[in-house]
N, C-alpha and C. Protein backbone atom coordinates (compact mmCIF):
# COMPACT_ATOMS: atom_id res chain seq x y z
N MET A 1 1.44 -33.03 37.89
CA MET A 1 2.77 -33.13 38.48
C MET A 1 3.60 -34.14 37.69
N LYS A 2 4.81 -33.74 37.32
CA LYS A 2 5.68 -34.59 36.52
C LYS A 2 6.28 -35.69 37.40
N LYS A 3 6.16 -36.94 36.94
CA LYS A 3 6.73 -38.02 37.75
C LYS A 3 8.25 -38.00 37.65
N ASP A 4 8.89 -38.57 38.65
CA ASP A 4 10.35 -38.63 38.65
C ASP A 4 10.82 -39.50 37.49
N LEU A 5 11.85 -39.03 36.81
CA LEU A 5 12.41 -39.78 35.70
C LEU A 5 13.55 -40.66 36.20
N PRO A 6 13.74 -41.80 35.56
CA PRO A 6 14.80 -42.71 36.01
C PRO A 6 16.18 -42.13 35.73
N PRO A 7 17.17 -42.49 36.53
CA PRO A 7 18.53 -42.05 36.24
C PRO A 7 19.08 -42.86 35.05
N TYR A 8 20.17 -42.37 34.47
CA TYR A 8 20.82 -43.14 33.42
C TYR A 8 21.46 -44.38 34.02
N VAL A 9 21.43 -45.46 33.26
CA VAL A 9 22.16 -46.67 33.63
C VAL A 9 23.60 -46.45 33.16
N ILE A 10 24.56 -46.64 34.07
CA ILE A 10 25.97 -46.35 33.77
C ILE A 10 26.76 -47.66 33.75
N ILE A 11 27.29 -48.00 32.59
CA ILE A 11 27.95 -49.29 32.43
C ILE A 11 29.26 -49.40 33.19
N ASN A 12 29.98 -48.29 33.34
CA ASN A 12 31.27 -48.35 34.04
C ASN A 12 31.16 -47.91 35.50
N ASP A 13 29.97 -48.05 36.07
CA ASP A 13 29.76 -47.80 37.50
C ASP A 13 29.43 -49.14 38.15
N PRO A 14 30.38 -49.74 38.87
CA PRO A 14 30.14 -51.06 39.47
C PRO A 14 28.98 -51.09 40.46
N GLU A 15 28.56 -49.90 40.95
CA GLU A 15 27.45 -49.83 41.89
C GLU A 15 26.08 -49.84 41.19
N ASP A 16 26.07 -49.63 39.87
CA ASP A 16 24.80 -49.57 39.14
C ASP A 16 24.25 -50.97 38.95
N LYS A 17 23.15 -51.26 39.62
CA LYS A 17 22.58 -52.61 39.61
C LYS A 17 21.89 -52.95 38.29
N LEU A 18 21.66 -51.97 37.43
CA LEU A 18 20.99 -52.22 36.15
C LEU A 18 21.96 -52.35 34.98
N ARG A 19 23.26 -52.36 35.26
CA ARG A 19 24.26 -52.36 34.18
C ARG A 19 24.05 -53.47 33.16
N GLU A 20 23.55 -54.61 33.60
CA GLU A 20 23.38 -55.75 32.70
C GLU A 20 22.44 -55.43 31.53
N ILE A 21 21.51 -54.51 31.74
CA ILE A 21 20.58 -54.15 30.66
C ILE A 21 21.33 -53.57 29.46
N LEU A 22 22.50 -52.96 29.71
CA LEU A 22 23.28 -52.36 28.63
C LEU A 22 24.08 -53.38 27.83
N THR A 23 24.15 -54.61 28.31
CA THR A 23 24.90 -55.65 27.59
C THR A 23 23.97 -56.76 27.08
N THR A 24 22.67 -56.53 27.16
CA THR A 24 21.67 -57.51 26.75
C THR A 24 20.86 -56.99 25.58
N PRO A 25 20.81 -57.73 24.45
CA PRO A 25 19.97 -57.28 23.34
C PRO A 25 18.51 -57.14 23.77
N THR A 26 17.85 -56.12 23.25
CA THR A 26 16.46 -55.84 23.63
C THR A 26 15.49 -56.66 22.79
N PRO A 27 14.36 -57.04 23.39
CA PRO A 27 13.30 -57.70 22.59
C PRO A 27 12.54 -56.67 21.77
N SER A 28 12.06 -57.09 20.62
CA SER A 28 11.26 -56.21 19.75
C SER A 28 9.90 -55.93 20.37
N LEU A 29 9.34 -54.78 20.03
CA LEU A 29 7.97 -54.46 20.43
C LEU A 29 7.01 -55.01 19.39
N THR A 30 5.78 -55.30 19.81
CA THR A 30 4.75 -55.75 18.88
C THR A 30 3.67 -54.67 18.81
N PHE A 31 2.94 -54.69 17.71
CA PHE A 31 1.89 -53.69 17.49
C PHE A 31 0.52 -54.36 17.53
N PRO A 32 -0.51 -53.67 18.03
CA PRO A 32 -0.43 -52.32 18.58
C PRO A 32 0.34 -52.29 19.90
N LEU A 33 0.92 -51.14 20.20
CA LEU A 33 1.70 -50.99 21.43
C LEU A 33 0.80 -51.11 22.65
N SER A 34 1.35 -51.70 23.70
CA SER A 34 0.61 -51.78 24.97
C SER A 34 0.65 -50.42 25.67
N GLU A 35 -0.19 -50.26 26.66
CA GLU A 35 -0.17 -49.02 27.45
C GLU A 35 1.18 -48.86 28.14
N GLU A 36 1.76 -49.98 28.58
CA GLU A 36 3.07 -49.92 29.23
C GLU A 36 4.13 -49.44 28.23
N ASP A 37 4.07 -49.97 26.99
CA ASP A 37 5.01 -49.52 25.96
C ASP A 37 4.89 -48.02 25.73
N LYS A 38 3.65 -47.54 25.64
CA LYS A 38 3.43 -46.10 25.40
C LYS A 38 3.99 -45.27 26.54
N GLN A 39 3.81 -45.75 27.77
CA GLN A 39 4.34 -45.01 28.93
C GLN A 39 5.86 -45.03 28.93
N ASP A 40 6.45 -46.17 28.57
CA ASP A 40 7.92 -46.26 28.50
C ASP A 40 8.48 -45.30 27.45
N ILE A 41 7.78 -45.18 26.33
CA ILE A 41 8.20 -44.24 25.27
C ILE A 41 8.15 -42.81 25.81
N GLN A 42 7.06 -42.47 26.52
CA GLN A 42 6.94 -41.13 27.09
C GLN A 42 8.06 -40.85 28.10
N THR A 43 8.43 -41.88 28.86
CA THR A 43 9.51 -41.72 29.83
C THR A 43 10.82 -41.39 29.12
N LEU A 44 11.12 -42.12 28.04
CA LEU A 44 12.37 -41.86 27.31
C LEU A 44 12.38 -40.45 26.72
N ILE A 45 11.27 -40.03 26.13
CA ILE A 45 11.20 -38.71 25.51
C ILE A 45 11.30 -37.61 26.59
N ALA A 46 10.66 -37.83 27.73
CA ALA A 46 10.76 -36.86 28.83
C ALA A 46 12.20 -36.75 29.33
N LYS A 47 12.89 -37.88 29.41
CA LYS A 47 14.29 -37.87 29.83
C LYS A 47 15.13 -37.10 28.81
N TYR A 48 14.88 -37.35 27.53
CA TYR A 48 15.57 -36.63 26.46
C TYR A 48 15.33 -35.12 26.61
N ASP A 49 14.07 -34.74 26.82
CA ASP A 49 13.70 -33.32 26.88
C ASP A 49 14.26 -32.58 28.08
N GLN A 50 14.66 -33.30 29.13
CA GLN A 50 15.18 -32.61 30.31
C GLN A 50 16.64 -32.20 30.14
N GLU A 51 17.31 -32.73 29.11
CA GLU A 51 18.74 -32.45 28.93
C GLU A 51 18.96 -31.13 28.21
N THR A 52 19.94 -30.37 28.70
CA THR A 52 20.37 -29.14 28.05
C THR A 52 21.88 -29.14 27.98
N PRO A 53 22.48 -29.04 26.81
CA PRO A 53 21.82 -29.00 25.51
C PRO A 53 21.20 -30.35 25.17
N SER A 54 20.32 -30.34 24.21
CA SER A 54 19.63 -31.58 23.83
C SER A 54 20.62 -32.58 23.25
N PRO A 55 20.48 -33.85 23.63
CA PRO A 55 21.31 -34.88 23.00
C PRO A 55 20.82 -35.14 21.58
N VAL A 56 21.60 -35.86 20.79
CA VAL A 56 21.17 -36.20 19.44
C VAL A 56 20.44 -37.54 19.43
N GLY A 57 20.54 -38.28 20.52
CA GLY A 57 19.83 -39.55 20.57
C GLY A 57 19.84 -40.13 21.96
N LEU A 58 18.89 -41.02 22.20
CA LEU A 58 18.77 -41.71 23.48
C LEU A 58 18.06 -43.02 23.22
N ALA A 59 18.56 -44.08 23.83
CA ALA A 59 17.99 -45.42 23.65
C ALA A 59 17.34 -45.90 24.95
N ALA A 60 16.27 -46.68 24.80
CA ALA A 60 15.51 -47.14 25.97
C ALA A 60 16.37 -47.80 27.05
N PRO A 61 17.34 -48.69 26.72
CA PRO A 61 18.13 -49.32 27.78
C PRO A 61 18.90 -48.32 28.64
N GLN A 62 19.20 -47.15 28.09
CA GLN A 62 19.96 -46.17 28.86
C GLN A 62 19.20 -45.63 30.06
N VAL A 63 17.87 -45.78 30.03
CA VAL A 63 17.07 -45.36 31.18
C VAL A 63 16.42 -46.57 31.86
N GLY A 64 17.01 -47.76 31.63
CA GLY A 64 16.56 -48.96 32.32
C GLY A 64 15.35 -49.64 31.70
N ILE A 65 15.03 -49.31 30.45
CA ILE A 65 13.88 -49.92 29.77
C ILE A 65 14.40 -50.92 28.75
N ASN A 66 14.11 -52.19 28.96
CA ASN A 66 14.64 -53.25 28.09
C ASN A 66 13.69 -53.48 26.91
N LYS A 67 13.63 -52.48 26.03
CA LYS A 67 12.75 -52.55 24.86
C LYS A 67 13.45 -51.90 23.68
N SER A 68 13.01 -52.27 22.47
CA SER A 68 13.70 -51.86 21.26
C SER A 68 13.14 -50.56 20.67
N PHE A 69 13.54 -49.43 21.27
CA PHE A 69 13.21 -48.14 20.67
C PHE A 69 14.23 -47.09 21.07
N VAL A 70 14.38 -46.11 20.17
CA VAL A 70 15.30 -45.00 20.40
C VAL A 70 14.61 -43.72 19.99
N PHE A 71 15.12 -42.61 20.50
CA PHE A 71 14.63 -41.29 20.11
C PHE A 71 15.81 -40.52 19.56
N VAL A 72 15.67 -39.96 18.36
CA VAL A 72 16.78 -39.30 17.67
C VAL A 72 16.33 -37.92 17.20
N HIS A 73 17.25 -36.95 17.32
CA HIS A 73 17.02 -35.62 16.77
C HIS A 73 18.37 -35.04 16.39
N VAL A 74 18.62 -34.92 15.09
CA VAL A 74 19.86 -34.31 14.60
C VAL A 74 19.45 -33.08 13.80
N PRO A 75 19.50 -31.91 14.44
CA PRO A 75 19.04 -30.69 13.78
C PRO A 75 20.12 -30.08 12.88
N ASP A 76 19.70 -29.17 12.03
CA ASP A 76 20.62 -28.39 11.21
C ASP A 76 21.07 -27.21 12.06
N ASP A 77 22.05 -27.47 12.92
CA ASP A 77 22.46 -26.53 13.95
C ASP A 77 23.91 -26.09 13.70
N PRO A 78 24.16 -24.79 13.48
CA PRO A 78 25.52 -24.32 13.20
C PRO A 78 26.53 -24.67 14.31
N THR A 79 26.07 -24.63 15.56
CA THR A 79 26.98 -24.98 16.67
C THR A 79 27.36 -26.45 16.60
N LEU A 80 26.39 -27.31 16.34
CA LEU A 80 26.67 -28.74 16.22
C LEU A 80 27.59 -28.99 15.04
N LYS A 81 27.41 -28.26 13.96
CA LYS A 81 28.27 -28.44 12.77
C LYS A 81 29.73 -28.10 13.06
N LYS A 82 29.96 -27.16 13.99
CA LYS A 82 31.34 -26.84 14.37
C LYS A 82 32.01 -28.07 14.98
N TRP A 83 31.25 -28.79 15.79
CA TRP A 83 31.79 -29.97 16.46
C TRP A 83 31.78 -31.19 15.53
N ARG A 84 30.81 -31.24 14.64
CA ARG A 84 30.64 -32.40 13.76
C ARG A 84 30.58 -31.94 12.30
N PRO A 85 31.74 -31.69 11.69
CA PRO A 85 31.74 -31.19 10.32
C PRO A 85 31.12 -32.15 9.31
N ASP A 86 30.95 -33.41 9.68
CA ASP A 86 30.31 -34.37 8.77
C ASP A 86 28.78 -34.37 8.91
N LEU A 87 28.24 -33.35 9.60
CA LEU A 87 26.79 -33.24 9.73
C LEU A 87 26.22 -32.73 8.40
N THR A 88 25.74 -33.65 7.59
CA THR A 88 25.14 -33.30 6.30
C THR A 88 23.66 -33.65 6.30
N ASP A 89 23.30 -34.78 6.89
CA ASP A 89 21.91 -35.22 6.97
C ASP A 89 21.34 -34.88 8.34
N THR A 90 20.09 -34.51 8.37
CA THR A 90 19.43 -34.18 9.63
C THR A 90 18.24 -35.12 9.85
N MET A 91 17.71 -35.09 11.06
CA MET A 91 16.50 -35.86 11.36
C MET A 91 15.69 -35.08 12.38
N VAL A 92 14.43 -34.82 12.06
CA VAL A 92 13.55 -34.16 13.02
C VAL A 92 13.36 -35.11 14.21
N ARG A 93 12.79 -34.62 15.29
CA ARG A 93 12.54 -35.46 16.46
C ARG A 93 11.78 -36.72 16.01
N THR A 94 12.42 -37.86 16.15
CA THR A 94 11.86 -39.10 15.60
C THR A 94 12.01 -40.25 16.58
N LEU A 95 10.90 -40.92 16.84
CA LEU A 95 10.91 -42.16 17.61
C LEU A 95 11.07 -43.31 16.60
N LEU A 96 12.06 -44.15 16.82
CA LEU A 96 12.30 -45.31 15.96
C LEU A 96 12.09 -46.57 16.78
N ILE A 97 11.07 -47.34 16.42
CA ILE A 97 10.76 -48.58 17.13
C ILE A 97 11.28 -49.76 16.31
N ASN A 98 11.94 -50.69 17.00
CA ASN A 98 12.55 -51.87 16.37
C ASN A 98 13.47 -51.50 15.20
N PRO A 99 14.35 -50.52 15.41
CA PRO A 99 15.19 -50.11 14.28
C PRO A 99 16.25 -51.15 13.94
N CYS A 100 16.58 -51.23 12.67
CA CYS A 100 17.72 -52.04 12.24
C CYS A 100 18.43 -51.29 11.14
N LEU A 101 19.71 -51.60 10.97
CA LEU A 101 20.56 -50.88 10.04
C LEU A 101 21.22 -51.83 9.06
N GLU A 102 21.48 -51.30 7.88
CA GLU A 102 22.24 -52.04 6.87
C GLU A 102 23.36 -51.11 6.43
N GLU A 103 24.59 -51.58 6.56
CA GLU A 103 25.74 -50.76 6.17
C GLU A 103 25.79 -50.67 4.66
N ILE A 104 26.09 -49.49 4.14
CA ILE A 104 26.21 -49.28 2.70
C ILE A 104 27.66 -48.91 2.40
N GLY A 105 28.30 -49.72 1.57
CA GLY A 105 29.69 -49.46 1.21
C GLY A 105 30.66 -49.85 2.31
N GLU A 106 31.92 -49.64 2.02
CA GLU A 106 32.98 -50.02 2.95
C GLU A 106 33.53 -48.83 3.74
N GLU A 107 33.20 -47.61 3.31
CA GLU A 107 33.82 -46.43 3.92
C GLU A 107 33.43 -46.27 5.38
N LYS A 108 34.48 -46.03 6.19
CA LYS A 108 34.28 -45.79 7.62
C LYS A 108 35.04 -44.52 8.01
N SER A 109 34.65 -43.95 9.12
CA SER A 109 35.41 -42.84 9.68
C SER A 109 35.40 -43.00 11.20
N ALA A 110 36.43 -42.44 11.82
CA ALA A 110 36.53 -42.49 13.29
C ALA A 110 36.27 -41.10 13.85
N ALA A 111 35.54 -41.04 14.94
CA ALA A 111 35.28 -39.78 15.63
C ALA A 111 35.03 -40.08 17.10
N TYR A 112 35.32 -39.09 17.94
CA TYR A 112 35.08 -39.25 19.37
C TYR A 112 33.59 -39.23 19.65
N GLU A 113 33.16 -40.14 20.52
CA GLU A 113 31.76 -40.22 20.92
C GLU A 113 31.66 -40.21 22.44
N GLY A 114 30.62 -39.54 22.92
CA GLY A 114 30.28 -39.57 24.33
C GLY A 114 28.99 -40.35 24.50
N CYS A 115 28.66 -40.66 25.73
CA CYS A 115 27.46 -41.46 25.98
C CYS A 115 26.99 -41.22 27.41
N TYR A 116 25.68 -41.03 27.56
CA TYR A 116 25.12 -40.86 28.91
C TYR A 116 25.29 -42.10 29.77
N SER A 117 25.53 -43.24 29.15
CA SER A 117 25.69 -44.49 29.91
C SER A 117 27.14 -44.86 30.15
N VAL A 118 28.07 -43.97 29.78
CA VAL A 118 29.49 -44.17 30.05
C VAL A 118 29.98 -42.95 30.81
N ASP A 119 30.32 -43.14 32.06
CA ASP A 119 30.69 -42.02 32.92
C ASP A 119 32.10 -41.53 32.64
N LYS A 120 32.22 -40.26 32.32
CA LYS A 120 33.48 -39.51 32.26
C LYS A 120 34.45 -39.91 31.15
N LEU A 121 34.12 -40.85 30.29
CA LEU A 121 35.08 -41.30 29.28
C LEU A 121 34.56 -41.09 27.87
N THR A 122 35.51 -40.92 26.96
CA THR A 122 35.21 -40.83 25.54
C THR A 122 36.37 -41.47 24.78
N GLY A 123 36.23 -41.57 23.49
CA GLY A 123 37.28 -42.13 22.66
C GLY A 123 36.81 -42.24 21.23
N PRO A 124 37.76 -42.52 20.31
CA PRO A 124 37.40 -42.60 18.90
C PRO A 124 36.69 -43.92 18.57
N VAL A 125 35.58 -43.79 17.85
CA VAL A 125 34.80 -44.95 17.43
C VAL A 125 34.73 -44.93 15.91
N SER A 126 35.11 -46.05 15.29
CA SER A 126 35.05 -46.18 13.84
C SER A 126 33.68 -46.71 13.45
N ARG A 127 33.02 -45.99 12.53
CA ARG A 127 31.69 -46.40 12.09
C ARG A 127 31.56 -46.20 10.58
N HIS A 128 30.60 -46.93 10.01
CA HIS A 128 30.30 -46.75 8.59
C HIS A 128 29.76 -45.34 8.35
N THR A 129 30.15 -44.75 7.22
CA THR A 129 29.72 -43.37 6.93
C THR A 129 28.33 -43.31 6.29
N THR A 130 27.83 -44.46 5.81
CA THR A 130 26.49 -44.48 5.22
C THR A 130 25.76 -45.75 5.64
N VAL A 131 24.53 -45.59 6.09
CA VAL A 131 23.70 -46.74 6.47
C VAL A 131 22.28 -46.54 5.94
N ARG A 132 21.62 -47.66 5.71
CA ARG A 132 20.18 -47.64 5.43
C ARG A 132 19.49 -48.04 6.73
N TYR A 133 18.45 -47.32 7.11
CA TYR A 133 17.75 -47.66 8.35
C TYR A 133 16.30 -48.04 8.07
N PHE A 134 15.82 -48.94 8.91
CA PHE A 134 14.44 -49.43 8.85
C PHE A 134 13.91 -49.40 10.28
N ALA A 135 12.68 -48.95 10.46
CA ALA A 135 12.07 -48.93 11.79
C ALA A 135 10.57 -48.75 11.62
N HIS A 136 9.88 -48.57 12.75
CA HIS A 136 8.44 -48.30 12.74
C HIS A 136 8.15 -47.12 13.65
N ASP A 137 7.06 -46.41 13.36
CA ASP A 137 6.61 -45.37 14.27
C ASP A 137 5.67 -46.00 15.29
N ARG A 138 5.08 -45.19 16.18
CA ARG A 138 4.26 -45.77 17.26
C ARG A 138 2.98 -46.41 16.76
N ASP A 139 2.58 -46.10 15.53
CA ASP A 139 1.39 -46.75 14.96
C ASP A 139 1.72 -47.98 14.13
N GLY A 140 3.00 -48.33 14.06
CA GLY A 140 3.41 -49.49 13.30
C GLY A 140 3.72 -49.21 11.84
N ASN A 141 3.67 -47.94 11.44
CA ASN A 141 4.01 -47.57 10.06
C ASN A 141 5.51 -47.65 9.85
N ALA A 142 5.90 -48.10 8.66
CA ALA A 142 7.33 -48.25 8.35
C ALA A 142 7.99 -46.89 8.19
N ILE A 143 9.23 -46.82 8.70
CA ILE A 143 10.10 -45.66 8.52
C ILE A 143 11.38 -46.22 7.91
N GLU A 144 11.83 -45.63 6.83
CA GLU A 144 13.11 -46.07 6.28
C GLU A 144 13.78 -44.93 5.55
N GLY A 145 15.08 -45.06 5.40
CA GLY A 145 15.84 -44.03 4.70
C GLY A 145 17.31 -44.38 4.68
N ILE A 146 18.07 -43.47 4.11
CA ILE A 146 19.53 -43.62 4.06
C ILE A 146 20.13 -42.44 4.81
N ALA A 147 21.09 -42.72 5.65
CA ALA A 147 21.74 -41.68 6.44
C ALA A 147 23.23 -41.65 6.14
N HIS A 148 23.77 -40.45 6.05
CA HIS A 148 25.20 -40.25 5.80
C HIS A 148 25.83 -39.50 6.97
N GLY A 149 27.14 -39.61 7.07
CA GLY A 149 27.90 -38.79 8.00
C GLY A 149 27.47 -38.92 9.45
N PHE A 150 27.31 -37.76 10.09
CA PHE A 150 27.03 -37.75 11.52
C PHE A 150 25.72 -38.45 11.87
N LEU A 151 24.67 -38.27 11.05
CA LEU A 151 23.41 -38.96 11.33
C LEU A 151 23.60 -40.47 11.28
N ALA A 152 24.38 -40.96 10.33
CA ALA A 152 24.67 -42.41 10.27
C ALA A 152 25.36 -42.85 11.56
N ARG A 153 26.28 -42.04 12.06
CA ARG A 153 26.99 -42.36 13.31
C ARG A 153 26.02 -42.42 14.48
N VAL A 154 25.14 -41.43 14.57
CA VAL A 154 24.17 -41.39 15.67
C VAL A 154 23.28 -42.64 15.65
N LEU A 155 22.79 -42.98 14.48
CA LEU A 155 21.92 -44.16 14.39
C LEU A 155 22.66 -45.43 14.79
N GLN A 156 23.91 -45.56 14.36
CA GLN A 156 24.69 -46.75 14.75
C GLN A 156 24.93 -46.78 16.25
N HIS A 157 25.21 -45.62 16.84
CA HIS A 157 25.43 -45.53 18.28
C HIS A 157 24.18 -45.97 19.05
N GLU A 158 23.02 -45.45 18.64
CA GLU A 158 21.79 -45.77 19.37
C GLU A 158 21.35 -47.22 19.15
N VAL A 159 21.45 -47.71 17.94
CA VAL A 159 21.07 -49.11 17.67
C VAL A 159 22.03 -50.07 18.38
N ASP A 160 23.29 -49.67 18.54
CA ASP A 160 24.22 -50.47 19.35
C ASP A 160 23.63 -50.75 20.73
N HIS A 161 23.04 -49.71 21.35
CA HIS A 161 22.46 -49.89 22.69
C HIS A 161 21.38 -50.98 22.69
N LEU A 162 20.62 -51.05 21.61
CA LEU A 162 19.56 -52.07 21.53
C LEU A 162 20.13 -53.46 21.30
N ASN A 163 21.37 -53.52 20.82
CA ASN A 163 22.04 -54.80 20.58
C ASN A 163 23.00 -55.18 21.71
N GLY A 164 22.92 -54.45 22.82
CA GLY A 164 23.75 -54.79 23.99
C GLY A 164 25.18 -54.31 23.89
N LYS A 165 25.42 -53.24 23.12
CA LYS A 165 26.78 -52.71 22.97
C LYS A 165 26.79 -51.23 23.32
N CYS A 166 27.99 -50.74 23.67
CA CYS A 166 28.16 -49.30 23.87
C CYS A 166 29.53 -48.90 23.35
N ILE A 167 29.86 -47.62 23.46
CA ILE A 167 31.11 -47.15 22.87
C ILE A 167 32.34 -47.85 23.43
N LEU A 168 32.28 -48.31 24.67
CA LEU A 168 33.44 -48.99 25.25
C LEU A 168 33.77 -50.28 24.52
N ASP A 169 32.80 -50.85 23.81
CA ASP A 169 33.05 -52.05 23.01
C ASP A 169 33.84 -51.73 21.74
N HIS A 170 33.93 -50.47 21.38
CA HIS A 170 34.60 -50.06 20.14
C HIS A 170 35.94 -49.35 20.37
N ILE A 171 36.20 -48.91 21.60
CA ILE A 171 37.38 -48.08 21.86
C ILE A 171 38.46 -48.91 22.56
N LYS A 172 39.68 -48.85 22.02
CA LYS A 172 40.80 -49.53 22.68
C LYS A 172 41.08 -48.81 23.99
N GLU A 173 41.48 -49.58 24.98
CA GLU A 173 41.71 -49.00 26.31
C GLU A 173 42.71 -47.86 26.28
N GLU A 174 43.76 -48.01 25.46
CA GLU A 174 44.78 -46.95 25.40
C GLU A 174 44.28 -45.68 24.73
N ASP A 175 43.14 -45.75 24.04
CA ASP A 175 42.58 -44.58 23.36
C ASP A 175 41.50 -43.87 24.19
N LEU A 176 41.16 -44.41 25.36
CA LEU A 176 40.17 -43.75 26.21
C LEU A 176 40.70 -42.44 26.73
N MET A 177 39.81 -41.46 26.85
CA MET A 177 40.20 -40.13 27.30
C MET A 177 39.13 -39.58 28.23
N ASP A 178 39.55 -38.79 29.19
CA ASP A 178 38.60 -38.12 30.06
C ASP A 178 37.73 -37.20 29.20
N ARG A 179 36.41 -37.30 29.34
CA ARG A 179 35.49 -36.55 28.47
C ARG A 179 35.67 -35.04 28.62
N GLU A 180 35.84 -34.55 29.84
CA GLU A 180 36.00 -33.10 30.04
C GLU A 180 37.29 -32.60 29.37
N GLU A 181 38.35 -33.40 29.47
CA GLU A 181 39.61 -33.02 28.81
C GLU A 181 39.44 -32.98 27.30
N TYR A 182 38.71 -33.97 26.76
CA TYR A 182 38.47 -34.00 25.32
C TYR A 182 37.68 -32.75 24.89
N ILE A 183 36.65 -32.40 25.64
CA ILE A 183 35.83 -31.24 25.27
C ILE A 183 36.69 -29.97 25.25
N LYS A 184 37.56 -29.80 26.24
CA LYS A 184 38.45 -28.63 26.26
C LYS A 184 39.39 -28.63 25.07
N LEU A 185 39.97 -29.79 24.77
CA LEU A 185 40.88 -29.92 23.64
C LEU A 185 40.16 -29.59 22.33
N ARG A 186 38.97 -30.16 22.15
CA ARG A 186 38.21 -29.93 20.91
C ARG A 186 37.78 -28.48 20.79
N GLN A 187 37.43 -27.85 21.91
CA GLN A 187 37.05 -26.44 21.90
C GLN A 187 38.22 -25.59 21.42
N ARG A 188 39.43 -25.90 21.90
CA ARG A 188 40.61 -25.15 21.47
C ARG A 188 40.86 -25.35 19.97
N GLN A 189 40.65 -26.58 19.49
CA GLN A 189 40.83 -26.86 18.05
C GLN A 189 39.84 -26.04 17.23
N ILE A 190 38.59 -26.01 17.66
CA ILE A 190 37.56 -25.26 16.93
C ILE A 190 37.91 -23.77 16.93
N GLU A 191 38.33 -23.25 18.08
CA GLU A 191 38.68 -21.82 18.17
C GLU A 191 39.85 -21.49 17.27
N SER A 192 40.84 -22.39 17.17
CA SER A 192 42.00 -22.13 16.30
C SER A 192 41.60 -22.10 14.83
N LEU A 193 40.57 -22.87 14.46
CA LEU A 193 40.09 -22.86 13.09
C LEU A 193 39.36 -21.56 12.77
N MET A 194 38.79 -20.94 13.80
CA MET A 194 38.02 -19.70 13.60
C MET A 194 38.94 -18.48 13.46
N ASP A 195 40.18 -18.62 13.96
CA ASP A 195 41.11 -17.47 13.92
C ASP A 195 41.54 -17.12 12.52
């Protein structure tokens, strides 16, 4: 029997008693992982797997786990490419423990981002277009690489959560938009490009 999964922690919900976890940097994990760490990782992945369509990333604090790990999956998906034309690099389902990023170059781009921990709002977030990432897998083996475009954005978004930040820290109040309205607007833009 599948155990109940935790709800998302919502930063802009004053009733959410766990909101502080989203503004607090996470402590690093040590290796070998404890049984509790392994269970927490399984909880995050199970939460990721219950979403349809699948998200491109999820960070431990978003489900109330104050630990430094994220789960990322950026597939080579034609539908996703319609929404994210800068999708050039992909990543198979990957657990990144204690990830850190190094910005490469000065180039940035702005794009609208949504977040499971921000209820009903979206807005443009400016991020570096290329980053180098470093992390570990569950056995403590090093993972590193360079990410461009949309994958770089996803990694920055998820690592932000581990550093106590979310998209609301990057978006000016006047640029906030209702997420459902944005999705409808973007859908119309995509359809007009297809005509």
